[in-house]
Structures are given as structure tokens and as C-alpha cells.
N, C-alpha and C. Protein backbone atom coordinates (compact mmCIF):
# COMPACT_ATOMS: atom_id res chain seq x y z
N MET A 1 0.85 -1.18 0.00
CA MET A 1 0.00 0.00 0.00
C MET A 1 0.89 1.24 0.00
N THR A 2 0.58 2.15 -0.87
CA THR A 2 1.33 3.41 -0.92
C THR A 2 0.68 4.43 0.01
N TYR A 3 1.40 5.52 0.25
CA TYR A 3 0.85 6.58 1.09
C TYR A 3 -0.39 7.20 0.43
N GLU A 4 -0.34 7.34 -0.88
CA GLU A 4 -1.50 7.89 -1.60
C GLU A 4 -2.73 7.00 -1.41
N GLU A 5 -2.52 5.68 -1.52
CA GLU A 5 -3.63 4.76 -1.29
C GLU A 5 -4.15 4.86 0.14
N PHE A 6 -3.23 5.00 1.07
CA PHE A 6 -3.62 5.13 2.47
C PHE A 6 -4.45 6.39 2.70
N LYS A 7 -4.02 7.50 2.09
CA LYS A 7 -4.77 8.77 2.24
C LYS A 7 -6.17 8.67 1.65
N ASN A 8 -6.34 7.86 0.62
CA ASN A 8 -7.62 7.77 -0.07
C ASN A 8 -8.54 6.68 0.47
N LEU A 9 -8.20 6.10 1.61
CA LEU A 9 -9.08 5.10 2.21
C LEU A 9 -10.40 5.74 2.61
N ASP A 10 -11.44 4.97 2.56
CA ASP A 10 -12.78 5.50 2.83
C ASP A 10 -13.18 5.27 4.29
N TYR A 11 -12.52 5.99 5.18
CA TYR A 11 -12.86 5.95 6.61
C TYR A 11 -13.20 7.37 7.04
N PRO A 12 -14.12 7.51 7.98
CA PRO A 12 -14.44 8.85 8.49
C PRO A 12 -13.22 9.45 9.20
N ASP A 13 -13.06 10.76 9.11
CA ASP A 13 -11.93 11.44 9.74
C ASP A 13 -11.89 11.23 11.25
N SER A 14 -13.03 11.06 11.86
CA SER A 14 -13.10 10.92 13.31
C SER A 14 -12.86 9.48 13.78
N TYR A 15 -12.67 8.57 12.84
CA TYR A 15 -12.48 7.15 13.16
C TYR A 15 -11.10 6.97 13.81
N PRO A 16 -11.02 6.28 14.97
CA PRO A 16 -9.73 6.09 15.64
C PRO A 16 -8.72 5.34 14.75
N MET A 17 -7.50 5.81 14.76
CA MET A 17 -6.45 5.25 13.90
C MET A 17 -6.22 3.77 14.17
N GLU A 18 -6.30 3.36 15.44
CA GLU A 18 -6.05 1.94 15.74
C GLU A 18 -7.09 1.03 15.09
N PHE A 19 -8.32 1.53 14.90
CA PHE A 19 -9.35 0.73 14.23
C PHE A 19 -9.07 0.63 12.73
N VAL A 20 -8.56 1.73 12.16
CA VAL A 20 -8.21 1.72 10.74
C VAL A 20 -7.07 0.72 10.51
N LEU A 21 -6.05 0.79 11.35
CA LEU A 21 -4.92 -0.12 11.20
C LEU A 21 -5.34 -1.57 11.41
N ALA A 22 -6.18 -1.82 12.42
CA ALA A 22 -6.66 -3.19 12.67
C ALA A 22 -7.45 -3.70 11.48
N ASP A 23 -8.27 -2.86 10.91
CA ASP A 23 -9.07 -3.24 9.74
C ASP A 23 -8.17 -3.56 8.54
N LEU A 24 -7.17 -2.73 8.32
CA LEU A 24 -6.24 -2.96 7.21
C LEU A 24 -5.45 -4.26 7.40
N MET A 25 -5.05 -4.54 8.63
CA MET A 25 -4.32 -5.79 8.89
C MET A 25 -5.25 -7.00 8.72
N PHE A 26 -6.48 -6.87 9.19
CA PHE A 26 -7.43 -7.98 9.07
C PHE A 26 -7.71 -8.29 7.60
N ASN A 27 -7.82 -7.26 6.80
CA ASN A 27 -8.08 -7.43 5.36
C ASN A 27 -6.80 -7.66 4.56
N ARG A 28 -5.68 -7.83 5.23
CA ARG A 28 -4.38 -8.11 4.63
C ARG A 28 -3.91 -7.03 3.64
N GLN A 29 -4.34 -5.82 3.91
CA GLN A 29 -3.84 -4.69 3.13
C GLN A 29 -2.57 -4.11 3.77
N LEU A 30 -2.38 -4.46 5.03
CA LEU A 30 -1.22 -4.00 5.77
C LEU A 30 -0.65 -5.22 6.50
N ASP A 31 0.64 -5.47 6.30
CA ASP A 31 1.29 -6.66 6.85
C ASP A 31 1.83 -6.36 8.25
N PHE A 32 1.28 -7.07 9.24
CA PHE A 32 1.68 -6.86 10.64
C PHE A 32 3.17 -7.11 10.84
N VAL A 33 3.70 -8.14 10.24
CA VAL A 33 5.12 -8.47 10.40
C VAL A 33 5.98 -7.33 9.86
N LYS A 34 5.63 -6.80 8.72
CA LYS A 34 6.39 -5.69 8.13
C LYS A 34 6.32 -4.45 9.03
N VAL A 35 5.12 -4.16 9.54
CA VAL A 35 4.95 -3.01 10.45
C VAL A 35 5.81 -3.21 11.70
N SER A 36 5.83 -4.41 12.24
CA SER A 36 6.64 -4.72 13.42
C SER A 36 8.13 -4.54 13.14
N GLN A 37 8.57 -5.01 11.97
CA GLN A 37 9.97 -4.85 11.59
C GLN A 37 10.34 -3.38 11.47
N ILE A 38 9.48 -2.61 10.87
CA ILE A 38 9.73 -1.17 10.70
C ILE A 38 9.82 -0.49 12.07
N TYR A 39 8.91 -0.85 12.95
CA TYR A 39 8.91 -0.27 14.29
C TYR A 39 10.18 -0.66 15.05
N THR A 40 10.58 -1.92 14.96
CA THR A 40 11.80 -2.39 15.61
C THR A 40 13.01 -1.66 15.05
N ASN A 41 13.06 -1.46 13.75
CA ASN A 41 14.16 -0.72 13.12
C ASN A 41 14.21 0.72 13.62
N SER A 42 13.05 1.34 13.79
CA SER A 42 13.04 2.72 14.28
C SER A 42 13.52 2.79 15.73
N LEU A 43 13.16 1.79 16.54
CA LEU A 43 13.66 1.75 17.92
C LEU A 43 15.18 1.56 17.94
N GLU A 44 15.69 0.70 17.07
CA GLU A 44 17.12 0.46 16.99
C GLU A 44 17.86 1.72 16.53
N LYS A 45 17.28 2.45 15.60
CA LYS A 45 17.90 3.70 15.13
C LYS A 45 17.95 4.72 16.27
N GLU A 46 16.89 4.81 17.05
CA GLU A 46 16.86 5.74 18.19
C GLU A 46 17.87 5.31 19.25
N ARG A 47 17.99 4.01 19.50
CA ARG A 47 18.96 3.50 20.46
C ARG A 47 20.38 3.85 20.00
N HIS A 48 20.66 3.69 18.72
CA HIS A 48 21.97 4.03 18.18
C HIS A 48 22.26 5.52 18.34
N LYS A 49 21.26 6.35 18.08
CA LYS A 49 21.44 7.80 18.21
C LYS A 49 21.76 8.17 19.66
N LEU A 50 20.99 7.62 20.61
CA LEU A 50 21.22 7.95 22.01
C LEU A 50 22.56 7.40 22.49
N ASN A 51 22.93 6.22 22.07
CA ASN A 51 24.23 5.65 22.42
C ASN A 51 25.36 6.50 21.85
N SER A 52 25.18 6.98 20.62
CA SER A 52 26.20 7.83 19.99
C SER A 52 26.33 9.16 20.72
N ARG A 53 25.21 9.72 21.15
CA ARG A 53 25.27 10.97 21.92
C ARG A 53 26.02 10.76 23.23
N PHE A 54 25.75 9.63 23.89
CA PHE A 54 26.45 9.33 25.13
C PHE A 54 27.95 9.18 24.89
N ASN A 55 28.31 8.45 23.84
CA ASN A 55 29.73 8.29 23.51
C ASN A 55 30.39 9.62 23.21
N GLU A 56 29.69 10.48 22.48
CA GLU A 56 30.23 11.80 22.16
C GLU A 56 30.45 12.61 23.43
N ALA A 57 29.51 12.54 24.36
CA ALA A 57 29.66 13.26 25.63
C ALA A 57 30.86 12.72 26.41
N CYS A 58 31.04 11.41 26.43
CA CYS A 58 32.18 10.81 27.14
C CYS A 58 33.50 11.22 26.51
N ILE A 59 33.55 11.28 25.19
CA ILE A 59 34.77 11.73 24.51
C ILE A 59 35.07 13.17 24.89
N ASN A 60 34.03 14.03 24.89
CA ASN A 60 34.22 15.42 25.28
C ASN A 60 34.76 15.53 26.70
N LEU A 61 34.17 14.78 27.61
CA LEU A 61 34.63 14.83 29.00
C LEU A 61 36.08 14.36 29.12
N THR A 62 36.41 13.31 28.42
CA THR A 62 37.79 12.79 28.46
C THR A 62 38.77 13.84 27.95
N GLN A 63 38.40 14.53 26.87
CA GLN A 63 39.27 15.57 26.33
C GLN A 63 39.46 16.71 27.34
N LEU A 64 38.35 17.17 27.90
CA LEU A 64 38.43 18.32 28.80
C LEU A 64 39.07 17.98 30.14
N LEU A 65 38.81 16.79 30.66
CA LEU A 65 39.38 16.40 31.94
C LEU A 65 40.84 15.99 31.82
N GLY A 66 41.26 15.61 30.62
CA GLY A 66 42.64 15.20 30.42
C GLY A 66 43.64 16.33 30.51
N LYS A 67 43.20 17.55 30.38
CA LYS A 67 44.03 18.76 30.50
C LYS A 67 45.20 18.78 29.51
N ASN A 68 45.07 18.05 28.42
CA ASN A 68 46.15 18.00 27.43
C ASN A 68 45.99 19.05 26.34
N PHE A 69 44.85 19.70 26.29
CA PHE A 69 44.60 20.66 25.23
C PHE A 69 44.94 22.07 25.69
N LYS A 70 45.57 22.81 24.82
CA LYS A 70 45.94 24.21 25.08
C LYS A 70 45.51 25.05 23.88
N GLY A 71 45.29 26.32 24.12
CA GLY A 71 45.01 27.29 23.06
C GLY A 71 43.86 26.91 22.15
N LYS A 72 44.15 26.85 20.84
CA LYS A 72 43.13 26.57 19.83
C LYS A 72 42.49 25.20 20.04
N HIS A 73 43.29 24.21 20.40
CA HIS A 73 42.76 22.86 20.58
C HIS A 73 41.81 22.80 21.78
N LYS A 74 42.12 23.55 22.83
CA LYS A 74 41.24 23.60 23.99
C LYS A 74 39.92 24.28 23.62
N SER A 75 40.02 25.35 22.85
CA SER A 75 38.82 26.07 22.40
C SER A 75 37.94 25.16 21.54
N GLU A 76 38.56 24.37 20.66
CA GLU A 76 37.80 23.44 19.82
C GLU A 76 37.12 22.36 20.67
N ALA A 77 37.83 21.85 21.67
CA ALA A 77 37.24 20.84 22.56
C ALA A 77 36.07 21.43 23.33
N GLN A 78 36.19 22.69 23.76
CA GLN A 78 35.09 23.34 24.47
C GLN A 78 33.89 23.55 23.56
N LYS A 79 34.13 23.95 22.32
CA LYS A 79 33.02 24.13 21.38
C LYS A 79 32.35 22.80 21.06
N ARG A 80 33.14 21.74 20.99
CA ARG A 80 32.58 20.41 20.77
C ARG A 80 31.69 20.03 21.96
N ALA A 81 32.13 20.37 23.16
CA ALA A 81 31.34 20.10 24.36
C ALA A 81 30.05 20.92 24.36
N VAL A 82 30.12 22.18 23.95
CA VAL A 82 28.92 23.01 23.86
C VAL A 82 27.95 22.42 22.85
N HIS A 83 28.48 21.97 21.73
CA HIS A 83 27.64 21.34 20.70
C HIS A 83 26.92 20.12 21.27
N THR A 84 27.67 19.28 21.98
CA THR A 84 27.09 18.08 22.57
C THR A 84 26.04 18.45 23.62
N PHE A 85 26.33 19.45 24.42
CA PHE A 85 25.36 19.91 25.42
C PHE A 85 24.07 20.37 24.76
N ASN A 86 24.20 21.07 23.64
CA ASN A 86 23.01 21.57 22.93
C ASN A 86 22.16 20.46 22.33
N LEU A 87 22.71 19.26 22.18
CA LEU A 87 21.95 18.13 21.65
C LEU A 87 20.99 17.54 22.68
N CYS A 88 21.23 17.80 23.94
CA CYS A 88 20.41 17.20 25.01
C CYS A 88 18.99 17.76 24.97
N PRO A 89 17.99 16.88 24.84
CA PRO A 89 16.61 17.36 24.72
C PRO A 89 16.00 17.85 26.05
N THR A 90 16.64 17.53 27.18
CA THR A 90 16.04 17.89 28.47
C THR A 90 16.69 19.08 29.14
N LEU A 91 17.78 19.58 28.60
CA LEU A 91 18.45 20.75 29.17
C LEU A 91 18.26 21.95 28.26
N PRO A 92 18.32 23.16 28.82
CA PRO A 92 18.14 24.35 27.97
C PRO A 92 19.27 24.49 26.97
N HIS A 93 18.92 24.72 25.72
CA HIS A 93 19.91 24.83 24.65
C HIS A 93 20.52 26.23 24.62
N HIS A 94 21.74 26.28 24.12
CA HIS A 94 22.45 27.52 23.79
C HIS A 94 22.78 28.40 25.00
N ILE A 95 22.78 27.85 26.21
CA ILE A 95 23.11 28.68 27.37
C ILE A 95 24.62 28.90 27.50
N HIS A 96 25.42 28.08 26.83
CA HIS A 96 26.87 28.23 26.90
C HIS A 96 27.47 28.82 25.62
N ASP A 97 26.65 29.04 24.62
CA ASP A 97 27.15 29.49 23.32
C ASP A 97 28.01 30.74 23.43
N GLU A 98 27.49 31.75 24.08
CA GLU A 98 28.19 33.04 24.15
C GLU A 98 29.48 32.93 24.96
N ASP A 99 29.44 32.17 26.04
CA ASP A 99 30.63 32.03 26.90
C ASP A 99 31.82 31.41 26.17
N TYR A 100 31.54 30.54 25.22
CA TYR A 100 32.62 29.84 24.52
C TYR A 100 32.73 30.22 23.05
N GLY A 101 32.02 31.25 22.63
CA GLY A 101 32.11 31.73 21.25
C GLY A 101 31.56 30.75 20.23
N TYR A 102 30.61 29.96 20.64
CA TYR A 102 30.00 28.94 19.76
C TYR A 102 29.04 29.62 18.79
N THR A 103 29.25 29.41 17.49
CA THR A 103 28.48 30.09 16.45
C THR A 103 27.72 29.08 15.59
N GLU A 104 26.95 29.59 14.65
CA GLU A 104 26.25 28.73 13.68
C GLU A 104 27.25 27.95 12.83
N GLU A 105 28.38 28.57 12.52
CA GLU A 105 29.42 27.86 11.76
C GLU A 105 29.96 26.67 12.56
N ASP A 106 30.13 26.87 13.88
CA ASP A 106 30.57 25.77 14.74
C ASP A 106 29.53 24.66 14.75
N LYS A 107 28.26 25.02 14.85
CA LYS A 107 27.19 24.03 14.84
C LYS A 107 27.24 23.21 13.56
N LYS A 108 27.38 23.90 12.43
CA LYS A 108 27.44 23.20 11.15
C LYS A 108 28.65 22.26 11.11
N TYR A 109 29.80 22.74 11.55
CA TYR A 109 31.01 21.94 11.54
C TYR A 109 30.84 20.69 12.40
N TRP A 110 30.35 20.85 13.63
CA TRP A 110 30.23 19.70 14.54
C TRP A 110 29.09 18.78 14.13
N ASP A 111 28.04 19.31 13.52
CA ASP A 111 26.98 18.44 12.98
C ASP A 111 27.56 17.52 11.90
N GLU A 112 28.34 18.10 10.99
CA GLU A 112 28.95 17.31 9.92
C GLU A 112 29.98 16.33 10.48
N PHE A 113 30.75 16.77 11.46
CA PHE A 113 31.75 15.90 12.08
C PHE A 113 31.10 14.69 12.75
N THR A 114 30.07 14.93 13.55
CA THR A 114 29.43 13.82 14.26
C THR A 114 28.68 12.91 13.29
N LYS A 115 28.17 13.46 12.21
CA LYS A 115 27.50 12.60 11.21
C LYS A 115 28.52 11.66 10.57
N ARG A 116 29.72 12.18 10.29
CA ARG A 116 30.78 11.32 9.74
C ARG A 116 31.22 10.27 10.77
N MET A 117 31.30 10.66 12.02
CA MET A 117 31.78 9.76 13.08
C MET A 117 30.77 8.64 13.38
N TYR A 118 29.49 8.99 13.46
CA TYR A 118 28.48 8.05 13.95
C TYR A 118 27.51 7.58 12.87
N GLY A 119 27.57 8.20 11.70
CA GLY A 119 26.72 7.77 10.61
C GLY A 119 25.29 8.26 10.67
N ILE A 120 24.98 9.14 11.61
CA ILE A 120 23.63 9.67 11.75
C ILE A 120 23.71 11.12 12.24
N ASP A 121 22.60 11.82 12.12
CA ASP A 121 22.50 13.16 12.72
C ASP A 121 22.19 12.98 14.20
N LEU A 122 23.04 13.57 15.02
CA LEU A 122 22.80 13.47 16.46
C LEU A 122 21.85 14.55 16.90
């Protein structure tokens, strides 16, 4: 079933979605196994994203706590840490940007860097 076919189904707009899906599965228009696989894949993708964010945070902490960075390299490590902090969905974003000179260019750079490192957008 394509999305267009799904949109053109003849169900009332007020009809609960779970009844529509149950009806489609009962009539074999929608394959339960395929839906389950897709859902499992989406959970795995989310798990990978969260695991990658955690790894990125640990790398940042290791860099900053190691005290091996000076000058430009220290500034880059701090901006990487600000970038990672801004990825957290439960903390306020951009509260450290000004303190560490974090800009839109830095965001773009670290977004591209982490995508290359982890294979996904963090």
C-alpha cells in the first residue's frame, strides 16, 4: 500500500487510527510483520542515536578532563562540548554558546563531524 492509497481510504476522519490499522491488517492490506519490523528498526535507530550521543559526551569529557589541550585545541574541545550539550533534549539549549564563542558555523562543523563519526544526525 502506498501513502496515496492510504490517504484515499474510505474511513471517516473521526475514526480512531487503531481501528483503521486493525481493519487494514485484518483485510491483509497492511502486513503486521512488516509493520513490526519497521517499528523495531526505528527503535534500533533511536537507540543508536542515544548511544552515539552518550559516547560523544564521554569523549568530550575525556578531552576536557585530560588537560592535554591548550590554546586553539582547547577552544575546539570546548566548542565540541557546547555542541554536545546543545543536543540534550532535556536541558536548555544555547546557554553556553556566548561564553565559549560557539556560532552557527561551529554548529554546522560539529553536525557534519558527528555525522561522519556516527553515521547519523545526532
